[in-house]
Amino acid sequence: MITSMSPPPKPGVLREYFADLLEPATYRALLFHFLAFPLPLFYFVASVVMLALGLGLLV
């Protein structure tokens, strides 16, 4: 009887699994997301302030 067995795991499986943590591109992407998150909030606040100043000058 022939049975198929899965190959034994490679010794560096965890190293391959966590390989993304060692690449600088991962941290560059995280930094981009952390810096880009507050931009819409800043644009909204700036537009409301500019609108209020413009309406204040009209009155």
PDB file of N, CA and C in Angstrom:
ATOM      1  N   MET A   1       0.850  -1.172   0.000  1.00  0.00           N
ATOM      2  CA  MET A   1       0.000   0.000   0.000  1.00  0.00           C
ATOM      3  C   MET A   1       0.902   1.243   0.000  1.00  0.00           C
ATOM      4  N   ILE A   2       0.608   2.151  -0.886  1.00  0.00           N
ATOM      5  CA  ILE A   2       1.385   3.380  -1.005  1.00  0.00           C
ATOM      6  C   ILE A   2       0.564   4.529  -0.424  1.00  0.00           C
ATOM      7  N   THR A   3       1.158   5.219   0.506  1.00  0.00           N
ATOM      8  CA  THR A   3       0.478   6.384   1.081  1.00  0.00           C
ATOM      9  C   THR A   3       1.313   7.619   0.786  1.00  0.00           C
ATOM     10  N   SER A   4       0.620   8.683   0.502  1.00  0.00           N
ATOM     11  CA  SER A   4       1.341   9.932   0.232  1.00  0.00           C
ATOM     12  C   SER A   4       1.477  10.703   1.537  1.00  0.00           C
ATOM     13  N   MET A   5       2.666  11.086   1.808  1.00  0.00           N
ATOM     14  CA  MET A   5       2.925  11.858   3.023  1.00  0.00           C
ATOM     15  C   MET A   5       3.347  13.266   2.624  1.00  0.00           C
ATOM     16  N   SER A   6       2.931  14.217   3.423  1.00  0.00           N
ATOM     17  CA  SER A   6       3.338  15.590   3.132  1.00  0.00           C
ATOM     18  C   SER A   6       4.813  15.748   3.475  1.00  0.00           C
ATOM     19  N   PRO A   7       5.495  16.596   2.744  1.00  0.00           N
ATOM     20  CA  PRO A   7       6.924  16.779   3.024  1.00  0.00           C
ATOM     21  C   PRO A   7       7.121  17.449   4.382  1.00  0.00           C
ATOM     22  N   PRO A   8       8.220  17.179   5.031  1.00  0.00           N
ATOM     23  CA  PRO A   8       8.460  17.829   6.329  1.00  0.00           C
ATOM     24  C   PRO A   8       8.629  19.332   6.146  1.00  0.00           C
ATOM     25  N   PRO A   9       8.243  20.093   7.154  1.00  0.00           N
ATOM     26  CA  PRO A   9       8.376  21.553   7.025  1.00  0.00           C
ATOM     27  C   PRO A   9       9.834  21.968   6.911  1.00  0.00           C
ATOM     28  N   LYS A  10      10.033  23.024   6.172  1.00  0.00           N
ATOM     29  CA  LYS A  10      11.395  23.544   6.015  1.00  0.00           C
ATOM     30  C   LYS A  10      11.855  24.189   7.323  1.00  0.00           C
ATOM     31  N   PRO A  11      13.137  24.213   7.570  1.00  0.00           N
ATOM     32  CA  PRO A  11      13.600  24.816   8.824  1.00  0.00           C
ATOM     33  C   PRO A  11      13.373  26.322   8.901  1.00  0.00           C
ATOM     34  N   GLY A  12      13.273  27.013   7.765  1.00  0.00           N
ATOM     35  CA  GLY A  12      13.116  28.467   7.794  1.00  0.00           C
ATOM     36  C   GLY A  12      11.703  28.933   7.533  1.00  0.00           C
ATOM     37  N   VAL A  13      10.695  28.130   7.906  1.00  0.00           N
ATOM     38  CA  VAL A  13       9.308  28.495   7.605  1.00  0.00           C
ATOM     39  C   VAL A  13       8.920  29.774   8.341  1.00  0.00           C
ATOM     40  N   LEU A  14       9.274  29.872   9.610  1.00  0.00           N
ATOM     41  CA  LEU A  14       8.924  31.088  10.355  1.00  0.00           C
ATOM     42  C   LEU A  14       9.660  32.300   9.809  1.00  0.00           C
ATOM     43  N   ARG A  15      10.873  32.105   9.368  1.00  0.00           N
ATOM     44  CA  ARG A  15      11.631  33.219   8.795  1.00  0.00           C
ATOM     45  C   ARG A  15      10.933  33.716   7.530  1.00  0.00           C
ATOM     46  N   GLU A  16      10.419  32.809   6.721  1.00  0.00           N
ATOM     47  CA  GLU A  16       9.686  33.220   5.515  1.00  0.00           C
ATOM     48  C   GLU A  16       8.353  33.852   5.885  1.00  0.00           C
ATOM     49  N   TYR A  17       7.720  33.353   6.949  1.00  0.00           N
ATOM     50  CA  TYR A  17       6.419  33.867   7.360  1.00  0.00           C
ATOM     51  C   TYR A  17       6.526  35.313   7.838  1.00  0.00           C
ATOM     52  N   PHE A  18       7.583  35.622   8.561  1.00  0.00           N
ATOM     53  CA  PHE A  18       7.770  36.968   9.094  1.00  0.00           C
ATOM     54  C   PHE A  18       8.704  37.806   8.234  1.00  0.00           C
ATOM     55  N   ALA A  19       8.909  37.411   7.002  1.00  0.00           N
ATOM     56  CA  ALA A  19       9.852  38.126   6.136  1.00  0.00           C
ATOM     57  C   ALA A  19       9.390  39.555   5.858  1.00  0.00           C
ATOM     58  N   ASP A  20       8.077  39.779   5.824  1.00  0.00           N
ATOM     59  CA  ASP A  20       7.573  41.128   5.555  1.00  0.00           C
ATOM     60  C   ASP A  20       7.943  42.108   6.669  1.00  0.00           C
ATOM     61  N   LEU A  21       8.138  41.595   7.878  1.00  0.00           N
ATOM     62  CA  LEU A  21       8.494  42.485   8.983  1.00  0.00           C
ATOM     63  C   LEU A  21       9.915  43.011   8.860  1.00  0.00           C
ATOM     64  N   LEU A  22      10.720  42.355   8.050  1.00  0.00           N
ATOM     65  CA  LEU A  22      12.110  42.770   7.907  1.00  0.00           C
ATOM     66  C   LEU A  22      12.331  43.685   6.713  1.00  0.00           C
ATOM     67  N   GLU A  23      11.296  43.888   5.914  1.00  0.00           N
ATOM     68  CA  GLU A  23      11.451  44.713   4.716  1.00  0.00           C
ATOM     69  C   GLU A  23      11.100  46.167   5.023  1.00  0.00           C
ATOM     70  N   PRO A  24      11.914  47.111   4.564  1.00  0.00           N
ATOM     71  CA  PRO A  24      11.610  48.524   4.820  1.00  0.00           C
ATOM     72  C   PRO A  24      10.349  49.003   4.116  1.00  0.00           C
ATOM     73  N   ALA A  25       9.952  48.350   3.030  1.00  0.00           N
ATOM     74  CA  ALA A  25       8.744  48.779   2.312  1.00  0.00           C
ATOM     75  C   ALA A  25       7.508  48.627   3.190  1.00  0.00           C
ATOM     76  N   THR A  26       7.510  47.648   4.080  1.00  0.00           N
ATOM     77  CA  THR A  26       6.378  47.463   4.984  1.00  0.00           C
ATOM     78  C   THR A  26       6.233  48.669   5.901  1.00  0.00           C
ATOM     79  N   TYR A  27       7.336  49.113   6.466  1.00  0.00           N
ATOM     80  CA  TYR A  27       7.281  50.248   7.384  1.00  0.00           C
ATOM     81  C   TYR A  27       7.026  51.548   6.638  1.00  0.00           C
ATOM     82  N   ARG A  28       7.476  51.639   5.394  1.00  0.00           N
ATOM     83  CA  ARG A  28       7.188  52.819   4.585  1.00  0.00           C
ATOM     84  C   ARG A  28       5.684  52.906   4.324  1.00  0.00           C
ATOM     85  N   ALA A  29       5.050  51.774   4.035  1.00  0.00           N
ATOM     86  CA  ALA A  29       3.604  51.769   3.799  1.00  0.00           C
ATOM     87  C   ALA A  29       2.852  52.118   5.079  1.00  0.00           C
ATOM     88  N   LEU A  30       3.294  51.587   6.212  1.00  0.00           N
ATOM     89  CA  LEU A  30       2.640  51.918   7.479  1.00  0.00           C
ATOM     90  C   LEU A  30       2.772  53.404   7.798  1.00  0.00           C
ATOM     91  N   LEU A  31       3.949  53.953   7.577  1.00  0.00           N
ATOM     92  CA  LEU A  31       4.160  55.377   7.824  1.00  0.00           C
ATOM     93  C   LEU A  31       3.280  56.224   6.912  1.00  0.00           C
ATOM     94  N   PHE A  32       3.153  55.814   5.656  1.00  0.00           N
ATOM     95  CA  PHE A  32       2.291  56.541   4.727  1.00  0.00           C
ATOM     96  C   PHE A  32       0.847  56.540   5.218  1.00  0.00           C
ATOM     97  N   HIS A  33       0.357  55.386   5.687  1.00  0.00           N
ATOM     98  CA  HIS A  33      -1.030  55.315   6.147  1.00  0.00           C
ATOM     99  C   HIS A  33      -1.240  56.138   7.414  1.00  0.00           C
ATOM    100  N   PHE A  34      -0.271  56.116   8.324  1.00  0.00           N
ATOM    101  CA  PHE A  34      -0.415  56.910   9.547  1.00  0.00           C
ATOM    102  C   PHE A  34      -0.372  58.403   9.262  1.00  0.00           C
ATOM    103  N   LEU A  35       0.439  58.818   8.282  1.00  0.00           N
ATOM    104  CA  LEU A  35       0.520  60.239   7.957  1.00  0.00           C
ATOM    105  C   LEU A  35      -0.645  60.690   7.086  1.00  0.00           C
ATOM    106  N   ALA A  36      -1.168  59.801   6.258  1.00  0.00           N
ATOM    107  CA  ALA A  36      -2.247  60.177   5.351  1.00  0.00           C
ATOM    108  C   ALA A  36      -3.610  60.143   6.031  1.00  0.00           C
ATOM    109  N   PHE A  37      -3.726  59.484   7.170  1.00  0.00           N
ATOM    110  CA  PHE A  37      -5.032  59.369   7.819  1.00  0.00           C
ATOM    111  C   PHE A  37      -5.608  60.711   8.249  1.00  0.00           C
ATOM    112  N   PRO A  38      -4.849  61.613   8.913  1.00  0.00           N
ATOM    113  CA  PRO A  38      -5.456  62.861   9.377  1.00  0.00           C
ATOM    114  C   PRO A  38      -5.637  63.923   8.296  1.00  0.00           C
ATOM    115  N   LEU A  39      -5.152  63.692   7.087  1.00  0.00           N
ATOM    116  CA  LEU A  39      -5.268  64.720   6.050  1.00  0.00           C
ATOM    117  C   LEU A  39      -6.714  65.088   5.714  1.00  0.00           C
ATOM    118  N   PRO A  40      -7.635  64.135   5.519  1.00  0.00           N
ATOM    119  CA  PRO A  40      -9.024  64.551   5.239  1.00  0.00           C
ATOM    120  C   PRO A  40      -9.632  65.365   6.376  1.00  0.00           C
ATOM    121  N   LEU A  41      -9.304  65.019   7.604  1.00  0.00           N
ATOM    122  CA  LEU A  41      -9.806  65.790   8.742  1.00  0.00           C
ATOM    123  C   LEU A  41      -9.252  67.211   8.720  1.00  0.00           C
ATOM    124  N   PHE A  42      -7.973  67.342   8.413  1.00  0.00           N
ATOM    125  CA  PHE A  42      -7.358  68.667   8.322  1.00  0.00           C
ATOM    126  C   PHE A  42      -7.992  69.481   7.198  1.00  0.00           C
ATOM    127  N   TYR A  43      -8.222  68.852   6.038  1.00  0.00           N
ATOM    128  CA  TYR A  43      -8.842  69.570   4.920  1.00  0.00           C
ATOM    129  C   TYR A  43     -10.256  70.018   5.269  1.00  0.00           C
ATOM    130  N   PHE A  44     -11.007  69.192   5.973  1.00  0.00           N
ATOM    131  CA  PHE A  44     -12.365  69.555   6.363  1.00  0.00           C
ATOM    132  C   PHE A  44     -12.345  70.742   7.322  1.00  0.00           C
ATOM    133  N   VAL A  45     -11.488  70.691   8.324  1.00  0.00           N
ATOM    134  CA  VAL A  45     -11.411  71.785   9.298  1.00  0.00           C
ATOM    135  C   VAL A  45     -10.948  73.067   8.614  1.00  0.00           C
ATOM    136  N   ALA A  46      -9.964  72.961   7.732  1.00  0.00           N
ATOM    137  CA  ALA A  46      -9.473  74.152   7.034  1.00  0.00           C
ATOM    138  C   ALA A  46     -10.558  74.752   6.143  1.00  0.00           C
ATOM    139  N   SER A  47     -11.325  73.908   5.465  1.00  0.00           N
ATOM    140  CA  SER A  47     -12.378  74.443   4.594  1.00  0.00           C
ATOM    141  C   SER A  47     -13.485  75.093   5.409  1.00  0.00           C
ATOM    142  N   VAL A  48     -13.833  74.528   6.557  1.00  0.00           N
ATOM    143  CA  VAL A  48     -14.865  75.138   7.401  1.00  0.00           C
ATOM    144  C   VAL A  48     -14.372  76.475   7.953  1.00  0.00           C
ATOM    145  N   VAL A  49     -13.119  76.542   8.348  1.00  0.00           N
ATOM    146  CA  VAL A  49     -12.567  77.801   8.869  1.00  0.00           C
ATOM    147  C   VAL A  49     -12.529  78.856   7.770  1.00  0.00           C
ATOM    148  N   MET A  50     -12.101  78.483   6.574  1.00  0.00           N
ATOM    149  CA  MET A  50     -12.058  79.444   5.463  1.00  0.00           C
ATOM    150  C   MET A  50     -13.464  79.910   5.087  1.00  0.00           C
ATOM    151  N   LEU A  51     -14.412  78.994   5.110  1.00  0.00           N
ATOM    152  CA  LEU A  51     -15.800  79.372   4.817  1.00  0.00           C
ATOM    153  C   LEU A  51     -16.324  80.333   5.882  1.00  0.00           C
ATOM    154  N   ALA A  52     -16.013  80.064   7.142  1.00  0.00           N
ATOM    155  CA  ALA A  52     -16.458  80.948   8.221  1.00  0.00           C
ATOM    156  C   ALA A  52     -15.805  82.322   8.097  1.00  0.00           C
ATOM    157  N   LEU A  53     -14.525  82.351   7.760  1.00  0.00           N
ATOM    158  CA  LEU A  53     -13.857  83.645   7.582  1.00  0.00           C
ATOM    159  C   LEU A  53     -14.438  84.405   6.392  1.00  0.00           C
ATOM    160  N   GLY A  54     -14.728  83.704   5.320  1.00  0.00           N
ATOM    161  CA  GLY A  54     -15.318  84.351   4.150  1.00  0.00           C
ATOM    162  C   GLY A  54     -16.702  84.898   4.448  1.00  0.00           C
ATOM    163  N   LEU A  55     -17.507  84.117   5.158  1.00  0.00           N
ATOM    164  CA  LEU A  55     -18.838  84.604   5.522  1.00  0.00           C
ATOM    165  C   LEU A  55     -18.743  85.754   6.521  1.00  0.00           C
ATOM    166  N   GLY A  56     -17.756  85.696   7.399  1.00  0.00           N
ATOM    167  CA  GLY A  56     -17.563  86.796   8.352  1.00  0.00           C
ATOM    168  C   GLY A  56     -17.165  88.079   7.649  1.00  0.00           C
ATOM    169  N   LEU A  57     -16.393  87.979   6.582  1.00  0.00           N
ATOM    170  CA  LEU A  57     -16.014  89.177   5.837  1.00  0.00           C
ATOM    171  C   LEU A  57     -17.187  89.735   5.037  1.00  0.00           C
ATOM    172  N   LEU A  58     -18.111  88.880   4.623  1.00  0.00           N
ATOM    173  CA  LEU A  58     -19.288  89.356   3.893  1.00  0.00           C
ATOM    174  C   LEU A  58     -20.220  90.153   4.798  1.00  0.00           C
ATOM    175  N   VAL A  59     -20.273  89.795   6.052  1.00  0.00           N
ATOM    176  CA  VAL A  59     -21.182  90.473   6.989  1.00  0.00           C
ATOM    177  C   VAL A  59     -20.553  91.703   7.472  1.00  0.00           C
TER     178      VAL A  59
END
